[in-house]
């Protein structure tokens, strides 16, 4: 549920005061995000997807079964990547739904 304008303004004021009162703590909190924990998993998922794609494309004419295995690797990697994104957004400030709403608003402004 998005914040209304007053709540957003109050939150921004609290954040500004936090940065002014203890900039060292604010910097360390900003650097120790939950997303950084899942970045290696995302990289592995992307690499797995690319490997699966290469296997699938390289072996499709030779063996449909090997190509199907490559597709399964791609599918598993995409699922792993999506789960990593979901875990990094749990408890975070941005959810997929809020990102999607922002993207829709930008699209409607640009159209």
PDB file of N, CA and C in Angstrom:
ATOM      1  N   UNK A   1       0.846  -1.170   0.000  1.00  0.00           N
ATOM      2  CA  UNK A   1       0.000   0.000   0.000  1.00  0.00           C
ATOM      3  C   UNK A   1       0.893   1.234   0.000  1.00  0.00           C
ATOM      4  N   UNK A   2       0.751   2.097  -1.018  1.00  0.00           N
ATOM      5  CA  UNK A   2       1.606   3.272  -1.100  1.00  0.00           C
ATOM      6  C   UNK A   2       1.268   4.303  -0.030  1.00  0.00           C
ATOM      7  N   UNK A   3       2.254   5.111   0.272  1.00  0.00           N
ATOM      8  CA  UNK A   3       2.078   6.169   1.268  1.00  0.00           C
ATOM      9  C   UNK A   3       1.379   7.361   0.635  1.00  0.00           C
ATOM     10  N   UNK A   4       0.559   8.057   1.441  1.00  0.00           N
ATOM     11  CA  UNK A   4      -0.030   9.284   0.919  1.00  0.00           C
ATOM     12  C   UNK A   4       1.015  10.393   0.989  1.00  0.00           C
ATOM     13  N   UNK A   5       0.672  11.575   0.498  1.00  0.00           N
ATOM     14  CA  UNK A   5       1.650  12.663   0.410  1.00  0.00           C
ATOM     15  C   UNK A   5       2.173  13.097   1.776  1.00  0.00           C
ATOM     16  N   UNK A   6       1.292  13.167   2.774  1.00  0.00           N
ATOM     17  CA  UNK A   6       1.734  13.569   4.117  1.00  0.00           C
ATOM     18  C   UNK A   6       2.693  12.550   4.719  1.00  0.00           C
ATOM     19  N   UNK A   7       2.360  11.281   4.586  1.00  0.00           N
ATOM     20  CA  UNK A   7       3.230  10.228   5.117  1.00  0.00           C
ATOM     21  C   UNK A   7       4.572  10.227   4.402  1.00  0.00           C
ATOM     22  N   UNK A   8       4.542  10.430   3.089  1.00  0.00           N
ATOM     23  CA  UNK A   8       5.785  10.477   2.320  1.00  0.00           C
ATOM     24  C   UNK A   8       6.650  11.651   2.762  1.00  0.00           C
ATOM     25  N   UNK A   9       6.031  12.800   2.981  1.00  0.00           N
ATOM     26  CA  UNK A   9       6.754  13.988   3.424  1.00  0.00           C
ATOM     27  C   UNK A   9       7.371  13.764   4.809  1.00  0.00           C
ATOM     28  N   UNK A  10       6.609  13.157   5.712  1.00  0.00           N
ATOM     29  CA  UNK A  10       7.111  12.875   7.064  1.00  0.00           C
ATOM     30  C   UNK A  10       8.281  11.894   7.001  1.00  0.00           C
ATOM     31  N   UNK A  11       8.144  10.869   6.179  1.00  0.00           N
ATOM     32  CA  UNK A  11       9.222   9.887   6.028  1.00  0.00           C
ATOM     33  C   UNK A  11      10.484  10.534   5.466  1.00  0.00           C
ATOM     34  N   UNK A  12      10.338  11.410   4.491  1.00  0.00           N
ATOM     35  CA  UNK A  12      11.490  12.102   3.927  1.00  0.00           C
ATOM     36  C   UNK A  12      12.154  13.011   4.958  1.00  0.00           C
ATOM     37  N   UNK A  13      11.362  13.636   5.809  1.00  0.00           N
ATOM     38  CA  UNK A  13      11.898  14.489   6.878  1.00  0.00           C
ATOM     39  C   UNK A  13      12.689  13.657   7.891  1.00  0.00           C
ATOM     40  N   UNK A  14      12.142  12.515   8.266  1.00  0.00           N
ATOM     41  CA  UNK A  14      12.850  11.619   9.200  1.00  0.00           C
ATOM     42  C   UNK A  14      14.162  11.153   8.585  1.00  0.00           C
ATOM     43  N   UNK A  15      14.114  10.792   7.314  1.00  0.00           N
ATOM     44  CA  UNK A  15      15.319  10.333   6.631  1.00  0.00           C
ATOM     45  C   UNK A  15      16.371  11.444   6.567  1.00  0.00           C
ATOM     46  N   UNK A  16      15.947  12.679   6.268  1.00  0.00           N
ATOM     47  CA  UNK A  16      16.865  13.802   6.207  1.00  0.00           C
ATOM     48  C   UNK A  16      17.518  14.040   7.569  1.00  0.00           C
ATOM     49  N   UNK A  17      16.721  13.977   8.640  1.00  0.00           N
ATOM     50  CA  UNK A  17      17.262  14.163   9.991  1.00  0.00           C
ATOM     51  C   UNK A  17      18.237  13.040  10.353  1.00  0.00           C
ATOM     52  N   UNK A  18      17.924  11.833   9.934  1.00  0.00           N
ATOM     53  CA  UNK A  18      18.803  10.693  10.198  1.00  0.00           C
ATOM     54  C   UNK A  18      20.164  10.912   9.550  1.00  0.00           C
ATOM     55  N   UNK A  19      20.164  11.367   8.292  1.00  0.00           N
ATOM     56  CA  UNK A  19      21.426  11.617   7.603  1.00  0.00           C
ATOM     57  C   UNK A  19      22.195  12.767   8.235  1.00  0.00           C
ATOM     58  N   UNK A  20      21.486  13.778   8.745  1.00  0.00           N
ATOM     59  CA  UNK A  20      22.156  14.914   9.371  1.00  0.00           C
ATOM     60  C   UNK A  20      22.746  14.556  10.732  1.00  0.00           C
ATOM     61  N   UNK A  21      22.024  13.780  11.532  1.00  0.00           N
ATOM     62  CA  UNK A  21      22.460  13.472  12.894  1.00  0.00           C
ATOM     63  C   UNK A  21      23.592  12.461  12.944  1.00  0.00           C
ATOM     64  N   UNK A  22      23.542  11.442  12.107  1.00  0.00           N
ATOM     65  CA  UNK A  22      24.577  10.413  12.142  1.00  0.00           C
ATOM     66  C   UNK A  22      24.893   9.931  10.723  1.00  0.00           C
ATOM     67  N   UNK A  23      25.673  10.712   9.981  1.00  0.00           N
ATOM     68  CA  UNK A  23      25.953  10.349   8.589  1.00  0.00           C
ATOM     69  C   UNK A  23      26.740   9.045   8.441  1.00  0.00           C
ATOM     70  N   UNK A  24      27.586   8.746   9.422  1.00  0.00           N
ATOM     71  CA  UNK A  24      28.375   7.499   9.359  1.00  0.00           C
ATOM     72  C   UNK A  24      27.457   6.275   9.431  1.00  0.00           C
ATOM     73  N   UNK A  25      26.519   6.292  10.368  1.00  0.00           N
ATOM     74  CA  UNK A  25      25.559   5.196  10.491  1.00  0.00           C
ATOM     75  C   UNK A  25      24.666   5.116   9.264  1.00  0.00           C
ATOM     76  N   UNK A  26      24.240   6.252   8.764  1.00  0.00           N
ATOM     77  CA  UNK A  26      23.384   6.270   7.575  1.00  0.00           C
ATOM     78  C   UNK A  26      24.104   5.655   6.382  1.00  0.00           C
ATOM     79  N   UNK A  27      25.386   5.957   6.224  1.00  0.00           N
ATOM     80  CA  UNK A  27      26.154   5.399   5.114  1.00  0.00           C
ATOM     81  C   UNK A  27      26.323   3.887   5.265  1.00  0.00           C
ATOM     82  N   UNK A  28      26.588   3.431   6.483  1.00  0.00           N
ATOM     83  CA  UNK A  28      26.771   1.990   6.692  1.00  0.00           C
ATOM     84  C   UNK A  28      25.463   1.229   6.488  1.00  0.00           C
ATOM     85  N   UNK A  29      24.339   1.836   6.885  1.00  0.00           N
ATOM     86  CA  UNK A  29      23.038   1.194   6.654  1.00  0.00           C
ATOM     87  C   UNK A  29      22.740   1.128   5.172  1.00  0.00           C
ATOM     88  N   UNK A  30      23.042   2.176   4.446  1.00  0.00           N
ATOM     89  CA  UNK A  30      22.788   2.199   3.008  1.00  0.00           C
ATOM     90  C   UNK A  30      23.629   1.160   2.274  1.00  0.00           C
ATOM     91  N   UNK A  31      24.860   0.953   2.712  1.00  0.00           N
ATOM     92  CA  UNK A  31      25.750  -0.001   2.052  1.00  0.00           C
ATOM     93  C   UNK A  31      25.390  -1.445   2.370  1.00  0.00           C
ATOM     94  N   UNK A  32      24.843  -1.693   3.533  1.00  0.00           N
ATOM     95  CA  UNK A  32      24.526  -3.058   3.961  1.00  0.00           C
ATOM     96  C   UNK A  32      23.085  -3.399   3.612  1.00  0.00           C
ATOM     97  N   UNK A  33      22.765  -3.309   2.351  1.00  0.00           N
ATOM     98  CA  UNK A  33      21.391  -3.589   1.944  1.00  0.00           C
ATOM     99  C   UNK A  33      21.188  -5.082   1.783  1.00  0.00           C
ATOM    100  N   UNK A  34      19.958  -5.472   1.853  1.00  0.00           N
ATOM    101  CA  UNK A  34      19.595  -6.871   1.680  1.00  0.00           C
ATOM    102  C   UNK A  34      19.847  -7.323   0.248  1.00  0.00           C
ATOM    103  N   UNK A  35      19.736  -6.413  -0.680  1.00  0.00           N
ATOM    104  CA  UNK A  35      19.929  -6.774  -2.086  1.00  0.00           C
ATOM    105  C   UNK A  35      21.343  -7.247  -2.366  1.00  0.00           C
ATOM    106  N   UNK A  36      22.327  -6.675  -1.682  1.00  0.00           N
ATOM    107  CA  UNK A  36      23.713  -7.073  -1.936  1.00  0.00           C
ATOM    108  C   UNK A  36      23.938  -8.542  -1.586  1.00  0.00           C
ATOM    109  N   UNK A  37      23.126  -9.077  -0.680  1.00  0.00           N
ATOM    110  CA  UNK A  37      23.254 -10.471  -0.295  1.00  0.00           C
ATOM    111  C   UNK A  37      22.882 -11.411  -1.437  1.00  0.00           C
ATOM    112  N   UNK A  38      21.971 -10.989  -2.292  1.00  0.00           N
ATOM    113  CA  UNK A  38      21.469 -11.851  -3.341  1.00  0.00           C
ATOM    114  C   UNK A  38      22.096 -11.593  -4.705  1.00  0.00           C
ATOM    115  N   UNK A  39      22.986 -10.638  -4.830  1.00  0.00           N
ATOM    116  CA  UNK A  39      23.596 -10.346  -6.117  1.00  0.00           C
ATOM    117  C   UNK A  39      24.378 -11.531  -6.688  1.00  0.00           C
ATOM    118  N   UNK A  40      25.170 -12.266  -5.892  1.00  0.00           N
ATOM    119  CA  UNK A  40      25.870 -13.415  -6.480  1.00  0.00           C
ATOM    120  C   UNK A  40      24.904 -14.469  -7.027  1.00  0.00           C
ATOM    121  N   UNK A  41      23.768 -14.643  -6.361  1.00  0.00           N
ATOM    122  CA  UNK A  41      22.787 -15.606  -6.850  1.00  0.00           C
ATOM    123  C   UNK A  41      22.229 -15.167  -8.199  1.00  0.00           C
ATOM    124  N   UNK A  42      22.010 -13.891  -8.347  1.00  0.00           N
ATOM    125  CA  UNK A  42      21.497 -13.381  -9.625  1.00  0.00           C
ATOM    126  C   UNK A  42      22.511 -13.582 -10.734  1.00  0.00           C
ATOM    127  N   UNK A  43      23.772 -13.327 -10.428  1.00  0.00           N
ATOM    128  CA  UNK A  43      24.811 -13.515 -11.448  1.00  0.00           C
ATOM    129  C   UNK A  43      24.878 -14.977 -11.883  1.00  0.00           C
ATOM    130  N   UNK A  44      24.834 -15.883 -10.911  1.00  0.00           N
ATOM    131  CA  UNK A  44      24.850 -17.306 -11.257  1.00  0.00           C
ATOM    132  C   UNK A  44      23.623 -17.696 -12.073  1.00  0.00           C
ATOM    133  N   UNK A  45      22.480 -17.131 -11.745  1.00  0.00           N
ATOM    134  CA  UNK A  45      21.265 -17.432 -12.492  1.00  0.00           C
ATOM    135  C   UNK A  45      21.374 -16.941 -13.935  1.00  0.00           C
ATOM    136  N   UNK A  46      21.937 -15.763 -14.132  1.00  0.00           N
ATOM    137  CA  UNK A  46      22.111 -15.241 -15.494  1.00  0.00           C
ATOM    138  C   UNK A  46      23.098 -16.104 -16.269  1.00  0.00           C
ATOM    139  N   UNK A  47      24.184 -16.493 -15.627  1.00  0.00           N
ATOM    140  CA  UNK A  47      25.164 -17.360 -16.288  1.00  0.00           C
ATOM    141  C   UNK A  47      24.528 -18.702 -16.643  1.00  0.00           C
ATOM    142  N   UNK A  48      23.754 -19.266 -15.728  1.00  0.00           N
ATOM    143  CA  UNK A  48      23.061 -20.520 -16.004  1.00  0.00           C
ATOM    144  C   UNK A  48      22.095 -20.389 -17.157  1.00  0.00           C
ATOM    145  N   UNK A  49      21.383 -19.270 -17.229  1.00  0.00           N
ATOM    146  CA  UNK A  49      20.448 -19.042 -18.329  1.00  0.00           C
ATOM    147  C   UNK A  49      21.186 -18.994 -19.654  1.00  0.00           C
ATOM    148  N   UNK A  50      22.308 -18.281 -19.686  1.00  0.00           N
ATOM    149  CA  UNK A  50      23.091 -18.172 -20.926  1.00  0.00           C
ATOM    150  C   UNK A  50      23.649 -19.529 -21.335  1.00  0.00           C
ATOM    151  N   UNK A  51      24.159 -20.287 -20.367  1.00  0.00           N
ATOM    152  CA  UNK A  51      24.682 -21.628 -20.671  1.00  0.00           C
ATOM    153  C   UNK A  51      23.566 -22.513 -21.219  1.00  0.00           C
ATOM    154  N   UNK A  52      22.396 -22.477 -20.592  1.00  0.00           N
ATOM    155  CA  UNK A  52      21.261 -23.259 -21.081  1.00  0.00           C
ATOM    156  C   UNK A  52      20.848 -22.857 -22.479  1.00  0.00           C
ATOM    157  N   UNK A  53      20.867 -21.553 -22.765  1.00  0.00           N
ATOM    158  CA  UNK A  53      20.521 -21.072 -24.102  1.00  0.00           C
ATOM    159  C   UNK A  53      21.520 -21.568 -25.146  1.00  0.00           C
ATOM    160  N   UNK A  54      22.803 -21.481 -24.815  1.00  0.00           N
ATOM    161  CA  UNK A  54      23.841 -21.939 -25.746  1.00  0.00           C
ATOM    162  C   UNK A  54      23.707 -23.441 -25.996  1.00  0.00           C
ATOM    163  N   UNK A  55      23.500 -24.215 -24.933  1.00  0.00           N
ATOM    164  CA  UNK A  55      23.329 -25.667 -25.087  1.00  0.00           C
ATOM    165  C   UNK A  55      22.112 -25.963 -25.949  1.00  0.00           C
ATOM    166  N   UNK A  56      21.032 -25.279 -25.690  1.00  0.00           N
ATOM    167  CA  UNK A  56      19.807 -25.520 -26.448  1.00  0.00           C
ATOM    168  C   UNK A  56      20.002 -25.192 -27.929  1.00  0.00           C
ATOM    169  N   UNK A  57      20.570 -24.035 -28.223  1.00  0.00           N
ATOM    170  CA  UNK A  57      20.746 -23.645 -29.617  1.00  0.00           C
ATOM    171  C   UNK A  57      21.792 -24.496 -30.332  1.00  0.00           C
ATOM    172  N   UNK A  58      22.845 -24.864 -29.624  1.00  0.00           N
ATOM    173  CA  UNK A  58      23.915 -25.640 -30.258  1.00  0.00           C
ATOM    174  C   UNK A  58      23.513 -27.088 -30.516  1.00  0.00           C
ATOM    175  N   UNK A  59      22.630 -27.632 -29.709  1.00  0.00           N
ATOM    176  CA  UNK A  59      22.325 -29.058 -29.839  1.00  0.00           C
ATOM    177  C   UNK A  59      20.943 -29.345 -30.393  1.00  0.00           C
ATOM    178  N   UNK A  60      20.205 -28.336 -30.782  1.00  0.00           N
ATOM    179  CA  UNK A  60      18.833 -28.571 -31.230  1.00  0.00           C
ATOM    180  C   UNK A  60      18.761 -29.465 -32.461  1.00  0.00           C
ATOM    181  N   UNK A  61      19.665 -29.272 -33.412  1.00  0.00           N
ATOM    182  CA  UNK A  61      19.634 -30.100 -34.618  1.00  0.00           C
ATOM    183  C   UNK A  61      20.229 -31.480 -34.370  1.00  0.00           C
ATOM    184  N   UNK A  62      21.119 -31.607 -33.398  1.00  0.00           N
ATOM    185  CA  UNK A  62      21.766 -32.890 -33.128  1.00  0.00           C
ATOM    186  C   UNK A  62      20.888 -33.782 -32.248  1.00  0.00           C
ATOM    187  N   UNK A  63      20.354 -33.243 -31.187  1.00  0.00           N
ATOM    188  CA  UNK A  63      19.559 -34.041 -30.258  1.00  0.00           C
ATOM    189  C   UNK A  63      18.524 -33.152 -29.569  1.00  0.00           C
ATOM    190  N   UNK A  64      17.288 -33.520 -29.770  1.00  0.00           N
ATOM    191  CA  UNK A  64      16.210 -32.752 -29.149  1.00  0.00           C
ATOM    192  C   UNK A  64      16.267 -32.900 -27.630  1.00  0.00           C
ATOM    193  N   UNK A  65      16.719 -34.038 -27.136  1.00  0.00           N
ATOM    194  CA  UNK A  65      16.779 -34.270 -25.687  1.00  0.00           C
ATOM    195  C   UNK A  65      17.808 -33.385 -24.998  1.00  0.00           C
ATOM    196  N   UNK A  66      18.955 -33.204 -25.632  1.00  0.00           N
ATOM    197  CA  UNK A  66      19.972 -32.315 -25.066  1.00  0.00           C
ATOM    198  C   UNK A  66      19.469 -30.869 -25.108  1.00  0.00           C
ATOM    199  N   UNK A  67      18.804 -30.508 -26.207  1.00  0.00           N
ATOM    200  CA  UNK A  67      18.219 -29.176 -26.310  1.00  0.00           C
ATOM    201  C   UNK A  67      17.152 -28.967 -25.231  1.00  0.00           C
ATOM    202  N   UNK A  68      16.367 -29.991 -24.959  1.00  0.00           N
ATOM    203  CA  UNK A  68      15.357 -29.900 -23.901  1.00  0.00           C
ATOM    204  C   UNK A  68      16.030 -29.726 -22.534  1.00  0.00           C
ATOM    205  N   UNK A  69      17.160 -30.398 -22.349  1.00  0.00           N
ATOM    206  CA  UNK A  69      17.920 -30.213 -21.104  1.00  0.00           C
ATOM    207  C   UNK A  69      18.412 -28.786 -20.966  1.00  0.00           C
ATOM    208  N   UNK A  70      18.888 -28.212 -22.065  1.00  0.00           N
ATOM    209  CA  UNK A  70      19.311 -26.814 -22.052  1.00  0.00           C
ATOM    210  C   UNK A  70      18.156 -25.883 -21.723  1.00  0.00           C
ATOM    211  N   UNK A  71      16.978 -26.207 -22.273  1.00  0.00           N
ATOM    212  CA  UNK A  71      15.793 -25.403 -21.962  1.00  0.00           C
ATOM    213  C   UNK A  71      15.431 -25.516 -20.488  1.00  0.00           C
ATOM    214  N   UNK A  72      15.557 -26.708 -19.922  1.00  0.00           N
ATOM    215  CA  UNK A  72      15.253 -26.885 -18.498  1.00  0.00           C
ATOM    216  C   UNK A  72      16.228 -26.082 -17.621  1.00  0.00           C
ATOM    217  N   UNK A  73      17.494 -26.032 -18.050  1.00  0.00           N
ATOM    218  CA  UNK A  73      18.478 -25.231 -17.323  1.00  0.00           C
ATOM    219  C   UNK A  73      18.088 -23.753 -17.395  1.00  0.00           C
ATOM    220  N   UNK A  74      17.646 -23.309 -18.573  1.00  0.00           N
ATOM    221  CA  UNK A  74      17.194 -21.930 -18.721  1.00  0.00           C
ATOM    222  C   UNK A  74      15.999 -21.653 -17.821  1.00  0.00           C
ATOM    223  N   UNK A  75      15.058 -22.560 -17.796  1.00  0.00           N
ATOM    224  CA  UNK A  75      13.854 -22.391 -16.989  1.00  0.00           C
ATOM    225  C   UNK A  75      14.197 -22.337 -15.498  1.00  0.00           C
ATOM    226  N   UNK A  76      15.048 -23.246 -15.057  1.00  0.00           N
ATOM    227  CA  UNK A  76      15.456 -23.254 -13.642  1.00  0.00           C
ATOM    228  C   UNK A  76      16.213 -21.977 -13.279  1.00  0.00           C
ATOM    229  N   UNK A  77      17.065 -21.512 -14.169  1.00  0.00           N
ATOM    230  CA  UNK A  77      17.825 -20.280 -13.901  1.00  0.00           C
ATOM    231  C   UNK A  77      16.900 -19.073 -13.827  1.00  0.00           C
ATOM    232  N   UNK A  78      15.913 -19.002 -14.702  1.00  0.00           N
ATOM    233  CA  UNK A  78      14.964 -17.890 -14.662  1.00  0.00           C
ATOM    234  C   UNK A  78      14.163 -17.925 -13.359  1.00  0.00           C
ATOM    235  N   UNK A  79      13.771 -19.106 -12.930  1.00  0.00           N
ATOM    236  CA  UNK A  79      13.052 -19.229 -11.663  1.00  0.00           C
ATOM    237  C   UNK A  79      13.913 -18.824 -10.484  1.00  0.00           C
ATOM    238  N   UNK A  80      15.170 -19.232 -10.505  1.00  0.00           N
ATOM    239  CA  UNK A  80      16.102 -18.883  -9.437  1.00  0.00           C
ATOM    240  C   UNK A  80      16.303 -17.370  -9.386  1.00  0.00           C
ATOM    241  N   UNK A  81      16.438 -16.754 -10.555  1.00  0.00           N
ATOM    242  CA  UNK A  81      16.605 -15.306 -10.633  1.00  0.00           C
ATOM    243  C   UNK A  81      15.375 -14.599 -10.061  1.00  0.00           C
ATOM    244  N   UNK A  82      14.183 -15.064 -10.440  1.00  0.00           N
ATOM    245  CA  UNK A  82      12.949 -14.449  -9.942  1.00  0.00           C
ATOM    246  C   UNK A  82      12.819 -14.610  -8.430  1.00  0.00           C
ATOM    247  N   UNK A  83      13.177 -15.780  -7.909  1.00  0.00           N
ATOM    248  CA  UNK A  83      13.113 -15.990  -6.466  1.00  0.00           C
ATOM    249  C   UNK A  83      14.110 -15.094  -5.738  1.00  0.00           C
ATOM    250  N   UNK A  84      15.277 -14.900  -6.327  1.00  0.00           N
ATOM    251  CA  UNK A  84      16.280 -14.021  -5.732  1.00  0.00           C
ATOM    252  C   UNK A  84      15.769 -12.585  -5.681  1.00  0.00           C
ATOM    253  N   UNK A  85      15.109 -12.146  -6.747  1.00  0.00           N
ATOM    254  CA  UNK A  85      14.532 -10.798  -6.745  1.00  0.00           C
ATOM    255  C   UNK A  85      13.440 -10.672  -5.699  1.00  0.00           C
ATOM    256  N   UNK A  86      12.605 -11.681  -5.590  1.00  0.00           N
ATOM    257  CA  UNK A  86      11.515 -11.629  -4.617  1.00  0.00           C
ATOM    258  C   UNK A  86      12.069 -11.590  -3.197  1.00  0.00           C
ATOM    259  N   UNK A  87      13.097 -12.405  -2.906  1.00  0.00           N
ATOM    260  CA  UNK A  87      13.682 -12.418  -1.562  1.00  0.00           C
ATOM    261  C   UNK A  87      14.337 -11.093  -1.232  1.00  0.00           C
ATOM    262  N   UNK A  88      14.971 -10.477  -2.219  1.00  0.00           N
ATOM    263  CA  UNK A  88      15.635  -9.201  -1.944  1.00  0.00           C
ATOM    264  C   UNK A  88      14.626  -8.092  -1.721  1.00  0.00           C
ATOM    265  N   UNK A  89      13.430  -8.225  -2.261  1.00  0.00           N
ATOM    266  CA  UNK A  89      12.409  -7.194  -2.071  1.00  0.00           C
ATOM    267  C   UNK A  89      11.563  -7.434  -0.840  1.00  0.00           C
ATOM    268  N   UNK A  90      11.581  -8.618  -0.249  1.00  0.00           N
ATOM    269  CA  UNK A  90      10.824  -8.863   0.977  1.00  0.00           C
ATOM    270  C   UNK A  90      11.400  -8.006   2.080  1.00  0.00           C
ATOM    271  N   UNK A  91      10.560  -7.200   2.669  1.00  0.00           N
ATOM    272  CA  UNK A  91      11.027  -6.322   3.732  1.00  0.00           C
ATOM    273  C   UNK A  91      11.743  -5.100   3.217  1.00  0.00           C
ATOM    274  N   UNK A  92      11.886  -4.985   1.923  1.00  0.00           N
ATOM    275  CA  UNK A  92      12.537  -3.820   1.348  1.00  0.00           C
ATOM    276  C   UNK A  92      11.523  -2.737   1.067  1.00  0.00           C
ATOM    277  N   UNK A  93      12.002  -1.626   0.599  1.00  0.00           N
ATOM    278  CA  UNK A  93      11.109  -0.506   0.360  1.00  0.00           C
ATOM    279  C   UNK A  93      10.374  -0.640  -0.962  1.00  0.00           C
ATOM    280  N   UNK A  94      10.963  -1.333  -1.911  1.00  0.00           N
ATOM    281  CA  UNK A  94      10.346  -1.429  -3.222  1.00  0.00           C
ATOM    282  C   UNK A  94       9.903  -2.859  -3.495  1.00  0.00           C
ATOM    283  N   UNK A  95       8.655  -3.009  -3.829  1.00  0.00           N
ATOM    284  CA  UNK A  95       8.150  -4.307  -4.228  1.00  0.00           C
ATOM    285  C   UNK A  95       7.953  -4.296  -5.724  1.00  0.00           C
ATOM    286  N   UNK A  96       7.734  -5.462  -6.292  1.00  0.00           N
ATOM    287  CA  UNK A  96       7.512  -5.538  -7.727  1.00  0.00           C
ATOM    288  C   UNK A  96       6.264  -4.761  -8.110  1.00  0.00           C
ATOM    289  N   UNK A  97       5.225  -4.834  -7.271  1.00  0.00           N
ATOM    290  CA  UNK A  97       3.983  -4.133  -7.574  1.00  0.00           C
ATOM    291  C   UNK A  97       4.191  -2.625  -7.592  1.00  0.00           C
ATOM    292  N   UNK A  98       4.961  -2.097  -6.629  1.00  0.00           N
ATOM    293  CA  UNK A  98       5.198  -0.652  -6.615  1.00  0.00           C
ATOM    294  C   UNK A  98       6.059  -0.245  -7.810  1.00  0.00           C
ATOM    295  N   UNK A  99       7.006  -1.088  -8.179  1.00  0.00           N
ATOM    296  CA  UNK A  99       7.815  -0.795  -9.360  1.00  0.00           C
ATOM    297  C   UNK A  99       6.943  -0.793 -10.602  1.00  0.00           C
ATOM    298  N   UNK A 100       6.027  -1.763 -10.699  1.00  0.00           N
ATOM    299  CA  UNK A 100       5.137  -1.857 -11.850  1.00  0.00           C
ATOM    300  C   UNK A 100       4.222  -0.644 -11.918  1.00  0.00           C
ATOM    301  N   UNK A 101       3.714  -0.200 -10.774  1.00  0.00           N
ATOM    302  CA  UNK A 101       2.864   0.989 -10.760  1.00  0.00           C
ATOM    303  C   UNK A 101       3.636   2.228 -11.218  1.00  0.00           C
ATOM    304  N   UNK A 102       4.881   2.363 -10.768  1.00  0.00           N
ATOM    305  CA  UNK A 102       5.696   3.499 -11.197  1.00  0.00           C
ATOM    306  C   UNK A 102       5.947   3.442 -12.700  1.00  0.00           C
ATOM    307  N   UNK A 103       6.215   2.248 -13.218  1.00  0.00           N
ATOM    308  CA  UNK A 103       6.452   2.094 -14.653  1.00  0.00           C
ATOM    309  C   UNK A 103       5.187   2.449 -15.443  1.00  0.00           C
ATOM    310  N   UNK A 104       4.039   2.041 -14.948  1.00  0.00           N
ATOM    311  CA  UNK A 104       2.780   2.387 -15.631  1.00  0.00           C
ATOM    312  C   UNK A 104       2.548   3.887 -15.623  1.00  0.00           C
ATOM    313  N   UNK A 105       2.845   4.548 -14.512  1.00  0.00           N
ATOM    314  CA  UNK A 105       2.667   5.994 -14.438  1.00  0.00           C
ATOM    315  C   UNK A 105       3.592   6.705 -15.421  1.00  0.00           C
ATOM    316  N   UNK A 106       4.839   6.259 -15.509  1.00  0.00           N
ATOM    317  CA  UNK A 106       5.775   6.860 -16.462  1.00  0.00           C
ATOM    318  C   UNK A 106       5.306   6.641 -17.889  1.00  0.00           C
ATOM    319  N   UNK A 107       4.817   5.447 -18.166  1.00  0.00           N
ATOM    320  CA  UNK A 107       4.341   5.119 -19.512  1.00  0.00           C
ATOM    321  C   UNK A 107       3.165   6.013 -19.875  1.00  0.00           C
ATOM    322  N   UNK A 108       2.227   6.213 -18.933  1.00  0.00           N
ATOM    323  CA  UNK A 108       1.056   7.037 -19.234  1.00  0.00           C
ATOM    324  C   UNK A 108       1.437   8.503 -19.408  1.00  0.00           C
ATOM    325  N   UNK A 109       2.452   8.975 -18.689  1.00  0.00           N
ATOM    326  CA  UNK A 109       2.919  10.355 -18.876  1.00  0.00           C
ATOM    327  C   UNK A 109       3.587  10.545 -20.214  1.00  0.00           C
ATOM    328  N   UNK A 110       4.333   9.533 -20.675  1.00  0.00           N
ATOM    329  CA  UNK A 110       5.069   9.647 -21.930  1.00  0.00           C
ATOM    330  C   UNK A 110       4.199   9.395 -23.146  1.00  0.00           C
ATOM    331  N   UNK A 111       3.061   8.780 -22.960  1.00  0.00           N
ATOM    332  CA  UNK A 111       2.190   8.467 -24.106  1.00  0.00           C
ATOM    333  C   UNK A 111       1.371   9.651 -24.525  1.00  0.00           C
TER     334      UNK A 111
END
